[in-house]
Amino acid sequence: MSAGQQAVPANNANNASNEGAQKKHMSKAAVAIIAVVVVAIIVVAGVFGFRAYSDAQYNNAVAACAAASENVRNATNDYNNLVNGDASEAAALTKKDVKDASTLDALNKELSVELPVYEGCVADDTAGFKSATDKLNEQTDWYKAHTTSLQKAVDAVNASKK
């Protein structure tokens, strides 16, 4: 029995060292698999995060463009109301109706300016909407500036009435 017992412990020792080697080998394989899974999760999360960020940027650009478009509409309405109202009445006056004829010339010059062409919010991507928003903001500024200068010209004509 002693020879058999010695054989069994020797086999158990070999088996234990083989199992230890297999466990170490499995541990390295398991670590590699876990690392690949973690990297894949990070990549997927990054892709979804980037898409969410891009979608948010796009939606913000669309909303900003819509707001800029509304601002242009309001500024255009203010300008047109002035052109069709007080400026039209003042422009109907003749040089005989005013003390200073140059005020009529200044008014007519203000009325003859070329209006900006409305382009709207037509775009396919975030950069396009941002560009459209910039153009619309420039148009709003143009209308506000020309409404102010036209009002000054109207006021000058009205102050010059005989």
C-alpha atoms as a PDB file:
ATOM      1  CA  MET A   1       0.000   0.000   0.000  1.00  0.00           C
ATOM      2  CA  SER A   2       2.773   2.267   0.662  1.00  0.00           C
ATOM      3  CA  ALA A   3       3.907   2.075  -2.959  1.00  0.00           C
ATOM      4  CA  GLY A   4       0.349   2.765  -4.112  1.00  0.00           C
ATOM      5  CA  GLN A   5      -0.045   5.529  -1.659  1.00  0.00           C
ATOM      6  CA  GLN A   6       3.152   7.045  -2.842  1.00  0.00           C
ATOM      7  CA  ALA A   7       1.952   6.825  -6.419  1.00  0.00           C
ATOM      8  CA  VAL A   8      -1.326   8.481  -5.630  1.00  0.00           C
ATOM      9  CA  PRO A   9       0.222  11.464  -3.912  1.00  0.00           C
ATOM     10  CA  ALA A  10       2.675  11.788  -6.770  1.00  0.00           C
ATOM     11  CA  ASN A  11      -0.195  11.805  -9.230  1.00  0.00           C
ATOM     12  CA  ASN A  12      -2.075  14.253  -7.037  1.00  0.00           C
ATOM     13  CA  ALA A  13       0.997  16.484  -6.954  1.00  0.00           C
ATOM     14  CA  ASN A  14       1.277  16.316 -10.738  1.00  0.00           C
ATOM     15  CA  ASN A  15      -2.432  16.887 -11.089  1.00  0.00           C
ATOM     16  CA  ALA A  16      -2.262  19.819  -8.680  1.00  0.00           C
ATOM     17  CA  SER A  17       0.586  21.406 -10.602  1.00  0.00           C
ATOM     18  CA  ASN A  18      -1.218  20.760 -13.905  1.00  0.00           C
ATOM     19  CA  GLU A  19      -4.409  22.276 -12.514  1.00  0.00           C
ATOM     20  CA  GLY A  20      -2.432  25.245 -11.208  1.00  0.00           C
ATOM     21  CA  ALA A  21      -0.899  25.724 -14.641  1.00  0.00           C
ATOM     22  CA  GLN A  22      -4.315  25.441 -16.270  1.00  0.00           C
ATOM     23  CA  LYS A  23      -5.800  27.909 -13.771  1.00  0.00           C
ATOM     24  CA  LYS A  24      -2.984  30.350 -14.469  1.00  0.00           C
ATOM     25  CA  HIS A  25      -3.500  29.838 -18.185  1.00  0.00           C
ATOM     26  CA  MET A  26      -7.236  30.310 -17.826  1.00  0.00           C
ATOM     27  CA  SER A  27      -6.658  33.372 -15.717  1.00  0.00           C
ATOM     28  CA  LYS A  28      -4.604  34.967 -18.493  1.00  0.00           C
ATOM     29  CA  ALA A  29      -7.238  34.017 -21.055  1.00  0.00           C
ATOM     30  CA  ALA A  30     -10.024  35.281 -18.810  1.00  0.00           C
ATOM     31  CA  VAL A  31      -8.182  38.573 -18.279  1.00  0.00           C
ATOM     32  CA  ALA A  32      -7.712  38.935 -22.023  1.00  0.00           C
ATOM     33  CA  ILE A  33     -11.395  38.243 -22.683  1.00  0.00           C
ATOM     34  CA  ILE A  34     -12.457  40.666 -19.982  1.00  0.00           C
ATOM     35  CA  ALA A  35     -10.125  43.301 -21.389  1.00  0.00           C
ATOM     36  CA  VAL A  36     -11.577  42.839 -24.886  1.00  0.00           C
ATOM     37  CA  VAL A  37     -15.131  43.042 -23.521  1.00  0.00           C
ATOM     38  CA  VAL A  38     -14.301  46.192 -21.528  1.00  0.00           C
ATOM     39  CA  VAL A  39     -12.708  47.837 -24.564  1.00  0.00           C
ATOM     40  CA  ALA A  40     -15.735  46.891 -26.685  1.00  0.00           C
ATOM     41  CA  ILE A  41     -18.082  48.378 -24.093  1.00  0.00           C
ATOM     42  CA  ILE A  42     -16.038  51.576 -23.961  1.00  0.00           C
ATOM     43  CA  VAL A  43     -16.045  51.839 -27.754  1.00  0.00           C
ATOM     44  CA  VAL A  44     -19.808  51.261 -27.960  1.00  0.00           C
ATOM     45  CA  ALA A  45     -20.431  53.754 -25.163  1.00  0.00           C
ATOM     46  CA  GLY A  46     -18.173  56.249 -26.926  1.00  0.00           C
ATOM     47  CA  VAL A  47     -20.014  55.822 -30.213  1.00  0.00           C
ATOM     48  CA  PHE A  48     -23.407  56.244 -28.570  1.00  0.00           C
ATOM     49  CA  GLY A  49     -22.123  59.171 -26.513  1.00  0.00           C
ATOM     50  CA  PHE A  50     -20.738  60.879 -29.586  1.00  0.00           C
ATOM     51  CA  ARG A  51     -23.981  60.319 -31.482  1.00  0.00           C
ATOM     52  CA  ALA A  52     -25.991  61.726 -28.580  1.00  0.00           C
ATOM     53  CA  TYR A  53     -23.676  64.745 -28.428  1.00  0.00           C
ATOM     54  CA  SER A  54     -23.888  65.231 -32.200  1.00  0.00           C
ATOM     55  CA  ASP A  55     -27.665  64.946 -32.122  1.00  0.00           C
ATOM     56  CA  ALA A  56     -27.842  67.507 -29.323  1.00  0.00           C
ATOM     57  CA  GLN A  57     -25.583  69.882 -31.265  1.00  0.00           C
ATOM     58  CA  TYR A  58     -27.750  69.427 -34.370  1.00  0.00           C
ATOM     59  CA  ASN A  59     -30.971  70.033 -32.449  1.00  0.00           C
ATOM     60  CA  ASN A  60     -29.485  73.140 -30.810  1.00  0.00           C
ATOM     61  CA  ALA A  61     -28.375  74.453 -34.211  1.00  0.00           C
ATOM     62  CA  VAL A  62     -31.866  73.875 -35.670  1.00  0.00           C
ATOM     63  CA  ALA A  63     -33.483  75.650 -32.702  1.00  0.00           C
ATOM     64  CA  ALA A  64     -31.059  78.578 -32.929  1.00  0.00           C
ATOM     65  CA  CYS A  65     -31.748  78.905 -36.636  1.00  0.00           C
ATOM     66  CA  ALA A  66     -35.500  78.893 -36.039  1.00  0.00           C
ATOM     67  CA  ALA A  67     -35.107  81.614 -33.398  1.00  0.00           C
ATOM     68  CA  ALA A  68     -32.915  83.675 -35.759  1.00  0.00           C
ATOM     69  CA  SER A  69     -35.500  83.249 -38.499  1.00  0.00           C
ATOM     70  CA  GLU A  70     -38.207  84.544 -36.166  1.00  0.00           C
ATOM     71  CA  ASN A  71     -36.003  87.530 -35.269  1.00  0.00           C
ATOM     72  CA  VAL A  72     -35.561  88.340 -38.970  1.00  0.00           C
ATOM     73  CA  ARG A  73     -39.308  88.097 -39.500  1.00  0.00           C
ATOM     74  CA  ASN A  74     -39.978  90.504 -36.623  1.00  0.00           C
ATOM     75  CA  ALA A  75     -37.288  92.953 -37.761  1.00  0.00           C
ATOM     76  CA  THR A  76     -38.574  92.764 -41.354  1.00  0.00           C
ATOM     77  CA  ASN A  77     -42.125  93.460 -40.195  1.00  0.00           C
ATOM     78  CA  ASP A  78     -40.954  96.489 -38.206  1.00  0.00           C
ATOM     79  CA  TYR A  79     -39.050  97.792 -41.225  1.00  0.00           C
ATOM     80  CA  ASN A  80     -41.938  97.169 -43.631  1.00  0.00           C
ATOM     81  CA  ASN A  81     -44.445  98.793 -41.292  1.00  0.00           C
ATOM     82  CA  LEU A  82     -42.277 101.896 -41.239  1.00  0.00           C
ATOM     83  CA  VAL A  83     -41.770 101.839 -45.030  1.00  0.00           C
ATOM     84  CA  ASN A  84     -45.470 101.397 -45.729  1.00  0.00           C
ATOM     85  CA  GLY A  85     -46.592 103.789 -43.010  1.00  0.00           C
ATOM     86  CA  ASP A  86     -44.747 106.914 -41.912  1.00  0.00           C
ATOM     87  CA  ALA A  87     -42.008 106.683 -44.549  1.00  0.00           C
ATOM     88  CA  SER A  88     -44.575 106.376 -47.333  1.00  0.00           C
ATOM     89  CA  GLU A  89     -46.416 109.441 -46.078  1.00  0.00           C
ATOM     90  CA  ALA A  90     -43.205 111.423 -45.746  1.00  0.00           C
ATOM     91  CA  ALA A  91     -42.034 110.338 -49.205  1.00  0.00           C
ATOM     92  CA  ALA A  92     -45.282 111.614 -50.703  1.00  0.00           C
ATOM     93  CA  LEU A  93     -44.294 115.160 -49.745  1.00  0.00           C
ATOM     94  CA  THR A  94     -42.728 117.366 -52.388  1.00  0.00           C
ATOM     95  CA  LYS A  95     -39.867 119.848 -52.146  1.00  0.00           C
ATOM     96  CA  LYS A  96     -42.495 122.588 -51.889  1.00  0.00           C
ATOM     97  CA  ASP A  97     -43.875 120.926 -48.735  1.00  0.00           C
ATOM     98  CA  VAL A  98     -40.591 121.033 -46.784  1.00  0.00           C
ATOM     99  CA  LYS A  99     -38.151 123.707 -45.747  1.00  0.00           C
ATOM    100  CA  ASP A 100     -35.083 121.549 -46.411  1.00  0.00           C
ATOM    101  CA  ALA A 101     -35.262 119.526 -49.630  1.00  0.00           C
ATOM    102  CA  SER A 102     -32.197 117.522 -48.655  1.00  0.00           C
ATOM    103  CA  THR A 103     -34.310 115.712 -46.063  1.00  0.00           C
ATOM    104  CA  LEU A 104     -36.427 114.294 -48.895  1.00  0.00           C
ATOM    105  CA  ASP A 105     -33.309 113.245 -50.750  1.00  0.00           C
ATOM    106  CA  ALA A 106     -32.018 111.477 -47.627  1.00  0.00           C
ATOM    107  CA  LEU A 107     -35.390 109.765 -47.173  1.00  0.00           C
ATOM    108  CA  ASN A 108     -35.489 108.604 -50.789  1.00  0.00           C
ATOM    109  CA  LYS A 109     -31.951 107.297 -50.463  1.00  0.00           C
ATOM    110  CA  GLU A 110     -32.989 105.296 -47.375  1.00  0.00           C
ATOM    111  CA  LEU A 111     -36.023 103.943 -49.203  1.00  0.00           C
ATOM    112  CA  SER A 112     -34.002 102.869 -52.242  1.00  0.00           C
ATOM    113  CA  VAL A 113     -31.611 100.542 -50.402  1.00  0.00           C
ATOM    114  CA  GLU A 114     -31.423  96.965 -51.595  1.00  0.00           C
ATOM    115  CA  LEU A 115     -33.050  94.607 -49.131  1.00  0.00           C
ATOM    116  CA  PRO A 116     -31.224  91.469 -48.061  1.00  0.00           C
ATOM    117  CA  VAL A 117     -32.453  88.235 -49.613  1.00  0.00           C
ATOM    118  CA  TYR A 118     -34.015  85.962 -47.028  1.00  0.00           C
ATOM    119  CA  GLU A 119     -32.406  82.528 -47.197  1.00  0.00           C
ATOM    120  CA  GLY A 120     -34.101  80.802 -44.289  1.00  0.00           C
ATOM    121  CA  CYS A 121     -33.015  77.737 -42.361  1.00  0.00           C
ATOM    122  CA  VAL A 122     -32.254  75.401 -45.215  1.00  0.00           C
ATOM    123  CA  ALA A 123     -29.427  73.039 -44.306  1.00  0.00           C
ATOM    124  CA  ASP A 124     -28.552  69.386 -44.023  1.00  0.00           C
ATOM    125  CA  ASP A 125     -26.153  69.405 -41.103  1.00  0.00           C
ATOM    126  CA  THR A 126     -25.140  71.244 -37.964  1.00  0.00           C
ATOM    127  CA  ALA A 127     -22.571  73.414 -39.730  1.00  0.00           C
ATOM    128  CA  GLY A 128     -25.141  74.409 -42.347  1.00  0.00           C
ATOM    129  CA  PHE A 129     -27.648  75.468 -39.700  1.00  0.00           C
ATOM    130  CA  LYS A 130     -24.977  77.436 -37.859  1.00  0.00           C
ATOM    131  CA  SER A 131     -24.041  79.202 -41.084  1.00  0.00           C
ATOM    132  CA  ALA A 132     -27.696  79.954 -41.832  1.00  0.00           C
ATOM    133  CA  THR A 133     -28.123  81.294 -38.291  1.00  0.00           C
ATOM    134  CA  ASP A 134     -25.156  83.634 -38.765  1.00  0.00           C
ATOM    135  CA  LYS A 135     -26.625  84.963 -42.029  1.00  0.00           C
ATOM    136  CA  LEU A 136     -30.040  85.431 -40.433  1.00  0.00           C
ATOM    137  CA  ASN A 137     -28.486  87.296 -37.503  1.00  0.00           C
ATOM    138  CA  GLU A 138     -26.724  89.594 -39.986  1.00  0.00           C
ATOM    139  CA  GLN A 139     -30.062  90.227 -41.707  1.00  0.00           C
ATOM    140  CA  THR A 140     -31.709  91.024 -38.378  1.00  0.00           C
ATOM    141  CA  ASP A 141     -28.936  93.513 -37.643  1.00  0.00           C
ATOM    142  CA  TRP A 142     -29.361  95.024 -41.120  1.00  0.00           C
ATOM    143  CA  TYR A 143     -33.108  95.492 -40.679  1.00  0.00           C
ATOM    144  CA  LYS A 144     -32.708  96.971 -37.199  1.00  0.00           C
ATOM    145  CA  ALA A 145     -30.020  99.408 -38.378  1.00  0.00           C
ATOM    146  CA  HIS A 146     -32.009 100.455 -41.440  1.00  0.00           C
ATOM    147  CA  THR A 147     -35.225 100.787 -39.474  1.00  0.00           C
ATOM    148  CA  THR A 148     -33.407 103.188 -37.172  1.00  0.00           C
ATOM    149  CA  SER A 149     -31.827 105.183 -40.012  1.00  0.00           C
ATOM    150  CA  LEU A 150     -35.113 105.272 -41.949  1.00  0.00           C
ATOM    151  CA  GLN A 151     -36.944 106.497 -38.856  1.00  0.00           C
ATOM    152  CA  LYS A 152     -34.376 109.295 -38.493  1.00  0.00           C
ATOM    153  CA  ALA A 153     -34.890 110.258 -42.141  1.00  0.00           C
ATOM    154  CA  VAL A 154     -38.685 110.269 -41.678  1.00  0.00           C
ATOM    155  CA  ASP A 155     -38.338 112.350 -38.543  1.00  0.00           C
ATOM    156  CA  ALA A 156     -36.086 114.815 -40.377  1.00  0.00           C
ATOM    157  CA  VAL A 157     -38.637 115.194 -43.199  1.00  0.00           C
ATOM    158  CA  ASN A 158     -41.485 115.628 -40.727  1.00  0.00           C
ATOM    159  CA  ALA A 159     -39.488 118.215 -38.778  1.00  0.00           C
ATOM    160  CA  SER A 160     -38.841 120.064 -42.030  1.00  0.00           C
ATOM    161  CA  LYS A 161     -42.517 120.347 -43.014  1.00  0.00           C
ATOM    162  CA  LYS A 162     -43.757 123.835 -43.699  1.00  0.00           C
END
